[in-house]
């Protein structure tokens, strides 16, 4: 039996941030990480961004395994959790005892109901390596999904000289986040970059065909490509927590100190569902800022702090020469008000409910995230004639 003061289930950015948070207050308590991947924690965003623009793979590693008193158990999947005994058992039957436990289990990619392993469900460094290897000889790629990952991967592959076709059922790229006019503009922009965009299309199958892949699309002639990447979002990995009797909804439910419903067990990162005071609602966030900030607070609280997690996370993306940062609730079904300096190239979009700002999209506008947070936190009622004065740029 391995015995740790702090045990972390998960090997991603949240887990590393938690280690750093623990070490801010406790320099000697033994920490164990159960990491399902065969490599230690790394930065995930470069996999779909910087590494396709000349960044080096060595730059992504976070060095968690070099922190004194930390043991990273690679290729280790937590199979059962016994809160009363403060024990976790892995897939090999090895038992780990803890005083404080953090569930940073993240999520698993949503998968198509066909295609098996012919599709790359882009999320891990192994997925990046597999795709990079295919690009050494392949030229034409299908990207299924027009959301966060799909739009980034399509742009990254296109920048690297590949022929890309995007396929998704929505009306345009980013349609689940952007207002309709911006989604149309981004879709048109991708087409000017040489990306073939099949919006409103449904993929019905992917199969091997003479060393390549055939993609079947409803009502359209099948496409033959060298690789298929699917970016369909993730499903939070709550199974371990639910089986152990922890409260689970769309994620593992935590309080303001990131404690779960069971004593001495915390949760953070993609899998954690927390209450945000600025929005006055429960939320689950799957982005880097939340992973790093929430992981650190969880680690500090495991080590004895009593720090509330009231942070409103932001996220960002790079799409060819375009880019954005965003804060809060970005739902195009809300009322949206836009302030453009250059239409669809530089501006700010506000998402409102009952005239109060719930989200802010900073489109090619930088260093305004804190200002956006402040606008959301003030809960002020605003009208169309007032948005221009909310954030200067």
Protein backbone atom coordinates (compact mmCIF):
# COMPACT_ATOMS: atom_id res chain seq x y z
CA UNK A 1 0.00 0.00 0.00
CA UNK A 2 1.28 3.45 -0.99
CA UNK A 3 0.65 6.07 1.70
CA UNK A 4 0.32 9.77 0.85
CA UNK A 5 -0.69 12.86 2.75
CA UNK A 6 -2.11 14.22 -0.51
CA UNK A 7 -3.34 12.00 -3.33
CA UNK A 8 -4.37 13.47 -6.69
CA UNK A 9 -6.31 11.46 -9.25
CA UNK A 10 -5.48 13.02 -12.60
CA UNK A 11 -2.35 14.02 -14.44
CA UNK A 12 -3.29 17.21 -16.26
CA UNK A 13 -2.80 20.94 -15.74
CA UNK A 14 -5.15 20.95 -12.75
CA UNK A 15 -3.13 18.26 -11.01
CA UNK A 16 0.14 20.14 -11.53
CA UNK A 17 -1.41 23.40 -10.31
CA UNK A 18 -2.65 21.59 -7.20
CA UNK A 19 0.87 20.31 -6.48
CA UNK A 20 2.17 23.90 -6.68
CA UNK A 21 -0.64 25.07 -4.40
CA UNK A 22 0.15 22.38 -1.82
CA UNK A 23 3.83 23.27 -1.87
CA UNK A 24 3.06 26.94 -1.18
CA UNK A 25 1.90 25.88 2.30
CA UNK A 26 3.36 22.42 2.90
CA UNK A 27 6.92 21.82 1.73
CA UNK A 28 7.27 18.24 2.89
CA UNK A 29 3.94 16.36 2.81
CA UNK A 30 4.15 13.44 0.39
CA UNK A 31 2.08 13.87 -2.78
CA UNK A 32 1.02 11.11 -5.16
CA UNK A 33 -0.44 11.57 -8.65
CA UNK A 34 -2.34 8.79 -10.38
CA UNK A 35 -1.90 9.73 -14.04
CA UNK A 36 -3.75 7.66 -16.62
CA UNK A 37 -1.50 8.85 -19.45
CA UNK A 38 1.99 7.47 -20.00
CA UNK A 39 3.57 10.90 -19.48
CA UNK A 40 3.58 13.47 -16.65
CA UNK A 41 1.46 16.67 -16.69
CA UNK A 42 1.81 19.03 -19.64
CA UNK A 43 0.23 22.18 -21.06
CA UNK A 44 -2.65 21.16 -23.30
CA UNK A 45 -3.38 24.38 -25.32
CA UNK A 46 -0.15 24.23 -27.40
CA UNK A 47 -1.30 20.91 -28.88
CA UNK A 48 -3.78 22.78 -31.11
CA UNK A 49 -1.99 26.13 -31.21
CA UNK A 50 1.74 26.82 -30.71
CA UNK A 51 3.09 23.41 -31.75
CA UNK A 52 1.70 23.96 -35.25
CA UNK A 53 3.38 27.36 -35.47
CA UNK A 54 6.94 26.25 -34.78
CA UNK A 55 6.70 25.59 -31.05
CA UNK A 56 8.74 22.69 -29.69
CA UNK A 57 7.21 19.68 -27.99
CA UNK A 58 9.72 19.93 -25.12
CA UNK A 59 8.13 23.25 -24.14
CA UNK A 60 4.85 21.72 -22.95
CA UNK A 61 6.10 19.70 -19.95
CA UNK A 62 5.29 21.23 -16.55
CA UNK A 63 7.98 19.50 -14.51
CA UNK A 64 5.62 18.07 -11.89
CA UNK A 65 7.70 14.93 -11.51
CA UNK A 66 10.70 17.04 -10.50
CA UNK A 67 8.94 18.65 -7.50
CA UNK A 68 10.46 17.24 -4.27
CA UNK A 69 8.24 14.77 -2.44
CA UNK A 70 5.98 14.17 -5.46
CA UNK A 71 5.55 10.73 -7.03
CA UNK A 72 3.83 10.49 -10.41
CA UNK A 73 2.37 7.06 -11.14
CA UNK A 74 2.16 6.94 -14.95
CA UNK A 75 -0.31 4.77 -16.80
CA UNK A 76 -2.33 4.38 -13.60
CA UNK A 77 -6.11 4.47 -13.66
CA UNK A 78 -8.06 4.81 -10.43
CA UNK A 79 -10.65 2.02 -10.49
CA UNK A 80 -12.34 2.30 -7.08
CA UNK A 81 -12.57 4.88 -4.33
CA UNK A 82 -13.36 4.00 -0.70
CA UNK A 83 -13.93 7.26 1.22
CA UNK A 84 -14.47 5.68 4.63
CA UNK A 85 -11.15 3.86 4.43
CA UNK A 86 -9.48 6.82 2.64
CA UNK A 87 -8.24 4.44 -0.01
CA UNK A 88 -8.06 4.32 -3.81
CA UNK A 89 -7.44 1.12 -5.76
CA UNK A 90 -6.00 1.26 -9.28
CA UNK A 91 -6.63 -1.01 -12.28
CA UNK A 92 -3.84 -3.36 -11.17
CA UNK A 93 -5.26 -3.78 -7.68
CA UNK A 94 -2.65 -1.57 -6.00
CA UNK A 95 -4.03 0.41 -3.04
CA UNK A 96 -3.17 4.05 -2.24
CA UNK A 97 -4.02 5.61 1.11
CA UNK A 98 -4.56 9.35 1.54
CA UNK A 99 -5.30 11.99 4.14
CA UNK A 100 -6.61 14.47 1.54
CA UNK A 101 -7.77 13.53 -1.95
CA UNK A 102 -8.22 15.65 -5.09
CA UNK A 103 -10.32 14.44 -8.00
CA UNK A 104 -8.90 16.10 -11.11
CA UNK A 105 -10.19 13.45 -13.48
CA UNK A 106 -11.04 15.82 -16.34
CA UNK A 107 -13.15 14.34 -19.09
CA UNK A 108 -13.12 12.00 -22.04
CA UNK A 109 -13.82 13.06 -25.64
CA UNK A 110 -17.29 12.56 -27.02
CA UNK A 111 -17.06 9.92 -29.71
CA UNK A 112 -18.89 9.15 -32.91
CA UNK A 113 -20.85 5.93 -33.01
CA UNK A 114 -18.68 4.62 -35.82
CA UNK A 115 -15.15 4.69 -37.21
CA UNK A 116 -13.41 3.09 -34.22
CA UNK A 117 -9.80 4.21 -33.93
CA UNK A 118 -9.70 5.60 -37.47
CA UNK A 119 -10.68 9.02 -36.05
CA UNK A 120 -8.40 11.10 -33.85
CA UNK A 121 -10.40 12.51 -30.94
CA UNK A 122 -7.95 15.31 -30.38
CA UNK A 123 -7.16 15.87 -26.69
CA UNK A 124 -3.83 14.35 -25.58
CA UNK A 125 -0.19 14.63 -26.53
CA UNK A 126 -0.46 11.15 -28.06
CA UNK A 127 -3.26 12.47 -30.29
CA UNK A 128 -0.98 15.32 -31.34
CA UNK A 129 1.85 12.92 -32.14
CA UNK A 130 -0.46 10.69 -34.15
CA UNK A 131 -1.82 13.59 -36.17
CA UNK A 132 1.63 15.09 -36.69
CA UNK A 133 2.85 11.74 -37.96
CA UNK A 134 0.00 11.48 -40.48
CA UNK A 135 0.75 14.99 -41.76
CA UNK A 136 4.26 13.87 -42.71
CA UNK A 137 2.79 12.06 -45.71
CA UNK A 138 -0.91 12.97 -45.82
CA UNK A 139 -2.26 16.13 -47.41
CA UNK A 140 -6.06 16.10 -47.12
CA UNK A 141 -7.85 16.05 -43.77
CA UNK A 142 -11.43 16.10 -42.54
CA UNK A 143 -12.19 17.95 -39.31
CA UNK A 144 -15.52 16.96 -37.75
CA UNK A 145 -16.85 19.71 -35.51
CA UNK A 146 -17.00 23.48 -35.81
CA UNK A 147 -16.44 24.35 -32.18
CA UNK A 148 -13.39 25.21 -30.09
CA UNK A 149 -11.08 22.31 -31.01
CA UNK A 150 -12.38 21.83 -34.54
CA UNK A 151 -11.81 25.46 -35.52
CA UNK A 152 -8.31 25.50 -34.01
CA UNK A 153 -7.19 22.24 -35.61
CA UNK A 154 -8.59 23.22 -39.00
CA UNK A 155 -6.65 26.49 -38.88
CA UNK A 156 -3.48 24.79 -37.60
CA UNK A 157 -3.47 22.16 -40.36
CA UNK A 158 -4.28 24.75 -43.03
CA UNK A 159 -1.39 26.95 -41.87
CA UNK A 160 0.81 23.90 -42.36
CA UNK A 161 -0.21 23.62 -45.99
CA UNK A 162 -2.84 20.91 -45.68
CA UNK A 163 -6.13 20.73 -47.57
CA UNK A 164 -8.96 20.85 -45.03
CA UNK A 165 -12.67 20.18 -45.09
CA UNK A 166 -14.69 21.02 -41.98
CA UNK A 167 -17.96 19.16 -41.39
CA UNK A 168 -20.52 20.03 -38.72
CA UNK A 169 -24.31 20.24 -38.29
CA UNK A 170 -24.49 23.87 -37.11
CA UNK A 171 -25.06 26.82 -39.44
CA UNK A 172 -21.51 28.15 -39.04
CA UNK A 173 -18.19 27.91 -37.24
CA UNK A 174 -18.53 28.67 -33.54
CA UNK A 175 -22.31 28.86 -33.84
CA UNK A 176 -22.79 27.61 -30.28
CA UNK A 177 -20.77 30.52 -28.90
CA UNK A 178 -20.72 33.38 -31.44
CA UNK A 179 -23.72 35.50 -32.50
CA UNK A 180 -25.05 34.45 -35.90
CA UNK A 181 -23.49 37.34 -37.82
CA UNK A 182 -20.03 36.71 -36.36
CA UNK A 183 -20.34 32.97 -36.98
CA UNK A 184 -21.16 33.65 -40.64
CA UNK A 185 -18.22 36.04 -40.92
CA UNK A 186 -15.79 33.52 -39.42
CA UNK A 187 -17.10 30.80 -41.72
CA UNK A 188 -16.58 33.04 -44.75
CA UNK A 189 -13.11 33.94 -43.45
CA UNK A 190 -12.14 30.27 -43.24
CA UNK A 191 -13.26 29.80 -46.83
CA UNK A 192 -11.02 32.66 -47.94
CA UNK A 193 -8.18 30.75 -46.28
CA UNK A 194 -8.87 27.76 -48.51
CA UNK A 195 -10.78 25.68 -45.96
CA UNK A 196 -13.78 23.86 -47.40
CA UNK A 197 -16.63 24.28 -44.94
CA UNK A 198 -19.60 21.92 -45.03
CA UNK A 199 -22.00 23.48 -42.54
CA UNK A 200 -25.36 21.92 -41.78
CA UNK A 201 -23.87 18.53 -42.67
CA UNK A 202 -24.02 15.23 -40.80
CA UNK A 203 -21.26 12.63 -40.91
CA UNK A 204 -22.71 9.13 -41.15
CA UNK A 205 -19.60 6.99 -41.25
CA UNK A 206 -15.82 6.79 -41.45
CA UNK A 207 -14.10 3.72 -42.87
CA UNK A 208 -10.70 2.62 -44.16
CA UNK A 209 -10.36 2.61 -47.96
CA UNK A 210 -7.17 1.61 -49.79
CA UNK A 211 -4.83 3.08 -47.21
CA UNK A 212 -6.88 6.26 -46.79
CA UNK A 213 -10.21 7.05 -45.11
CA UNK A 214 -13.65 7.51 -46.60
CA UNK A 215 -16.01 9.91 -44.85
CA UNK A 216 -19.70 9.37 -45.51
CA UNK A 217 -21.88 12.49 -45.28
CA UNK A 218 -25.66 12.61 -45.50
CA UNK A 219 -26.78 13.73 -48.96
CA UNK A 220 -23.22 14.35 -50.20
CA UNK A 221 -20.75 12.25 -52.14
CA UNK A 222 -18.25 10.55 -49.74
CA UNK A 223 -14.92 12.26 -49.20
CA UNK A 224 -11.57 10.49 -49.34
CA UNK A 225 -8.99 11.90 -46.94
CA UNK A 226 -5.71 10.99 -45.27
CA UNK A 227 -6.86 11.66 -41.73
CA UNK A 228 -9.95 12.49 -39.70
CA UNK A 229 -9.93 14.65 -36.58
CA UNK A 230 -13.04 14.90 -34.42
CA UNK A 231 -13.53 17.73 -31.95
CA UNK A 232 -16.88 17.06 -30.32
CA UNK A 233 -16.30 18.27 -26.77
CA UNK A 234 -15.83 16.15 -23.67
CA UNK A 235 -17.88 14.27 -21.11
CA UNK A 236 -16.77 14.90 -17.50
CA UNK A 237 -15.25 11.82 -15.88
CA UNK A 238 -17.54 11.50 -12.87
CA UNK A 239 -17.89 7.71 -12.72
CA UNK A 240 -15.38 7.15 -9.92
CA UNK A 241 -16.97 9.86 -7.77
CA UNK A 242 -20.53 8.71 -8.41
CA UNK A 243 -19.71 5.08 -7.55
CA UNK A 244 -18.20 6.26 -4.25
CA UNK A 245 -21.35 8.17 -3.32
CA UNK A 246 -20.18 11.74 -3.98
CA UNK A 247 -22.72 14.27 -5.22
CA UNK A 248 -22.57 14.46 -9.00
CA UNK A 249 -24.51 16.55 -11.51
CA UNK A 250 -22.93 17.79 -14.74
CA UNK A 251 -19.63 17.27 -12.97
CA UNK A 252 -18.57 16.63 -9.38
CA UNK A 253 -20.35 19.16 -7.18
CA UNK A 254 -18.07 21.24 -4.94
CA UNK A 255 -18.61 24.05 -2.44
CA UNK A 256 -16.89 27.43 -2.40
CA UNK A 257 -13.74 25.82 -0.95
CA UNK A 258 -13.75 23.11 -3.66
CA UNK A 259 -14.77 20.43 -1.19
CA UNK A 260 -17.01 17.64 -2.44
CA UNK A 261 -19.91 16.21 -0.46
CA UNK A 262 -17.49 13.80 1.27
CA UNK A 263 -15.04 14.96 3.94
CA UNK A 264 -11.41 15.52 2.85
CA UNK A 265 -12.17 14.93 -0.84
CA UNK A 266 -11.83 17.88 -3.22
CA UNK A 267 -12.46 18.27 -6.95
CA UNK A 268 -11.13 20.78 -9.48
CA UNK A 269 -10.68 21.44 -13.18
CA UNK A 270 -12.82 20.24 -16.08
CA UNK A 271 -14.73 17.79 -13.88
CA UNK A 272 -15.75 20.17 -11.07
CA UNK A 273 -19.10 21.92 -10.92
CA UNK A 274 -18.85 25.06 -8.80
CA UNK A 275 -20.94 28.10 -7.92
CA UNK A 276 -19.68 31.36 -9.39
CA UNK A 277 -20.80 34.45 -7.45
CA UNK A 278 -20.35 36.87 -10.37
CA UNK A 279 -22.85 34.94 -12.47
CA UNK A 280 -24.87 33.60 -9.55
CA UNK A 281 -25.01 30.14 -11.02
CA UNK A 282 -23.35 26.74 -10.97
CA UNK A 283 -20.93 26.14 -13.82
CA UNK A 284 -18.29 23.78 -15.13
CA UNK A 285 -15.41 25.18 -17.19
CA UNK A 286 -13.11 23.21 -19.50
CA UNK A 287 -10.34 25.72 -20.14
CA UNK A 288 -6.76 26.47 -19.10
CA UNK A 289 -7.36 29.44 -16.81
CA UNK A 290 -9.85 27.47 -14.73
CA UNK A 291 -7.56 24.42 -14.58
CA UNK A 292 -4.61 26.44 -13.33
CA UNK A 293 -6.46 28.75 -10.95
CA UNK A 294 -8.84 26.18 -9.52
CA UNK A 295 -6.12 23.55 -9.18
CA UNK A 296 -3.93 25.92 -7.19
CA UNK A 297 -6.76 26.90 -4.83
CA UNK A 298 -7.69 23.25 -4.32
CA UNK A 299 -4.08 22.40 -3.46
CA UNK A 300 -3.83 25.28 -1.00
CA UNK A 301 -7.08 24.29 0.67
CA UNK A 302 -5.98 20.66 0.96
CA UNK A 303 -2.88 21.97 2.73
CA UNK A 304 -4.88 23.96 5.26
CA UNK A 305 -5.97 27.22 3.65
CA UNK A 306 -9.59 28.32 3.61
CA UNK A 307 -9.64 30.14 0.28
CA UNK A 308 -12.91 30.62 -1.56
CA UNK A 309 -12.92 29.94 -5.27
CA UNK A 310 -14.76 32.96 -6.63
CA UNK A 311 -12.68 33.33 -9.79
CA UNK A 312 -14.51 33.89 -13.09
CA UNK A 313 -12.36 32.00 -15.63
CA UNK A 314 -11.59 33.21 -19.13
CA UNK A 315 -10.70 31.28 -22.26
CA UNK A 316 -9.04 32.15 -25.55
CA UNK A 317 -8.44 30.87 -29.06
CA UNK A 318 -6.32 31.52 -32.16
CA UNK A 319 -7.95 31.22 -35.60
CA UNK A 320 -5.44 32.07 -38.34
CA UNK A 321 -4.80 35.82 -37.84
CA UNK A 322 -7.88 36.20 -35.69
CA UNK A 323 -7.99 35.60 -31.97
CA UNK A 324 -10.19 36.20 -28.99
CA UNK A 325 -10.48 36.09 -25.22
CA UNK A 326 -13.80 35.52 -23.52
CA UNK A 327 -15.28 35.66 -20.03
CA UNK A 328 -18.56 34.49 -18.56
CA UNK A 329 -21.61 33.04 -20.25
CA UNK A 330 -21.30 33.05 -24.04
CA UNK A 331 -24.63 31.79 -25.29
CA UNK A 332 -25.85 33.19 -28.63
CA UNK A 333 -29.43 32.63 -27.47
CA UNK A 334 -28.91 35.57 -25.10
CA UNK A 335 -29.31 39.14 -26.29
CA UNK A 336 -26.03 40.33 -27.82
CA UNK A 337 -24.77 43.86 -28.31
CA UNK A 338 -21.66 44.54 -30.37
CA UNK A 339 -19.19 47.41 -30.47
CA UNK A 340 -16.90 47.10 -33.49
CA UNK A 341 -13.85 49.16 -34.34
CA UNK A 342 -13.49 47.08 -37.51
CA UNK A 343 -16.52 44.84 -38.22
CA UNK A 344 -15.75 41.20 -37.41
CA UNK A 345 -12.05 41.99 -37.07
CA UNK A 346 -11.74 44.04 -33.87
CA UNK A 347 -14.46 44.62 -31.35
CA UNK A 348 -16.32 43.57 -28.22
CA UNK A 349 -19.56 41.60 -27.96
CA UNK A 350 -21.66 41.64 -24.80
CA UNK A 351 -24.09 38.84 -23.92
CA UNK A 352 -27.01 40.06 -21.82
CA UNK A 353 -29.92 38.60 -19.88
CA UNK A 354 -32.56 41.05 -18.71
CA UNK A 355 -30.17 43.87 -19.73
CA UNK A 356 -27.39 42.63 -17.44
CA UNK A 357 -24.06 41.54 -18.90
CA UNK A 358 -23.48 37.80 -18.52
CA UNK A 359 -20.56 37.34 -20.91
CA UNK A 360 -17.99 39.32 -22.88
CA UNK A 361 -16.24 38.28 -26.09
CA UNK A 362 -13.08 40.28 -26.78
CA UNK A 363 -12.51 39.82 -30.51
CA UNK A 364 -8.91 40.73 -31.36
CA UNK A 365 -9.03 43.00 -28.32
CA UNK A 366 -6.38 42.18 -25.73
CA UNK A 367 -5.54 42.85 -22.09
CA UNK A 368 -9.17 43.59 -21.22
CA UNK A 369 -10.12 40.38 -19.41
CA UNK A 370 -10.10 41.99 -15.96
CA UNK A 371 -12.24 44.85 -17.25
CA UNK A 372 -14.69 42.31 -18.67
CA UNK A 373 -14.84 40.50 -15.33
CA UNK A 374 -15.58 43.80 -13.60
CA UNK A 375 -18.43 44.60 -15.99
CA UNK A 376 -20.03 41.19 -15.36
CA UNK A 377 -19.52 41.45 -11.60
CA UNK A 378 -21.26 44.83 -11.33
CA UNK A 379 -24.62 43.39 -12.47
CA UNK A 380 -25.53 46.73 -14.02
CA UNK A 381 -28.49 47.08 -16.35
CA UNK A 382 -27.25 48.44 -19.68
CA UNK A 383 -28.77 49.41 -23.00
CA UNK A 384 -27.53 49.49 -26.58
CA UNK A 385 -26.43 53.11 -26.24
CA UNK A 386 -24.23 52.31 -23.23
CA UNK A 387 -22.12 49.35 -24.41
CA UNK A 388 -19.57 51.60 -26.08
CA UNK A 389 -18.53 53.03 -22.72
CA UNK A 390 -18.31 49.76 -20.76
CA UNK A 391 -14.81 48.76 -21.91
CA UNK A 392 -12.55 51.14 -23.80
CA UNK A 393 -10.36 49.81 -26.59
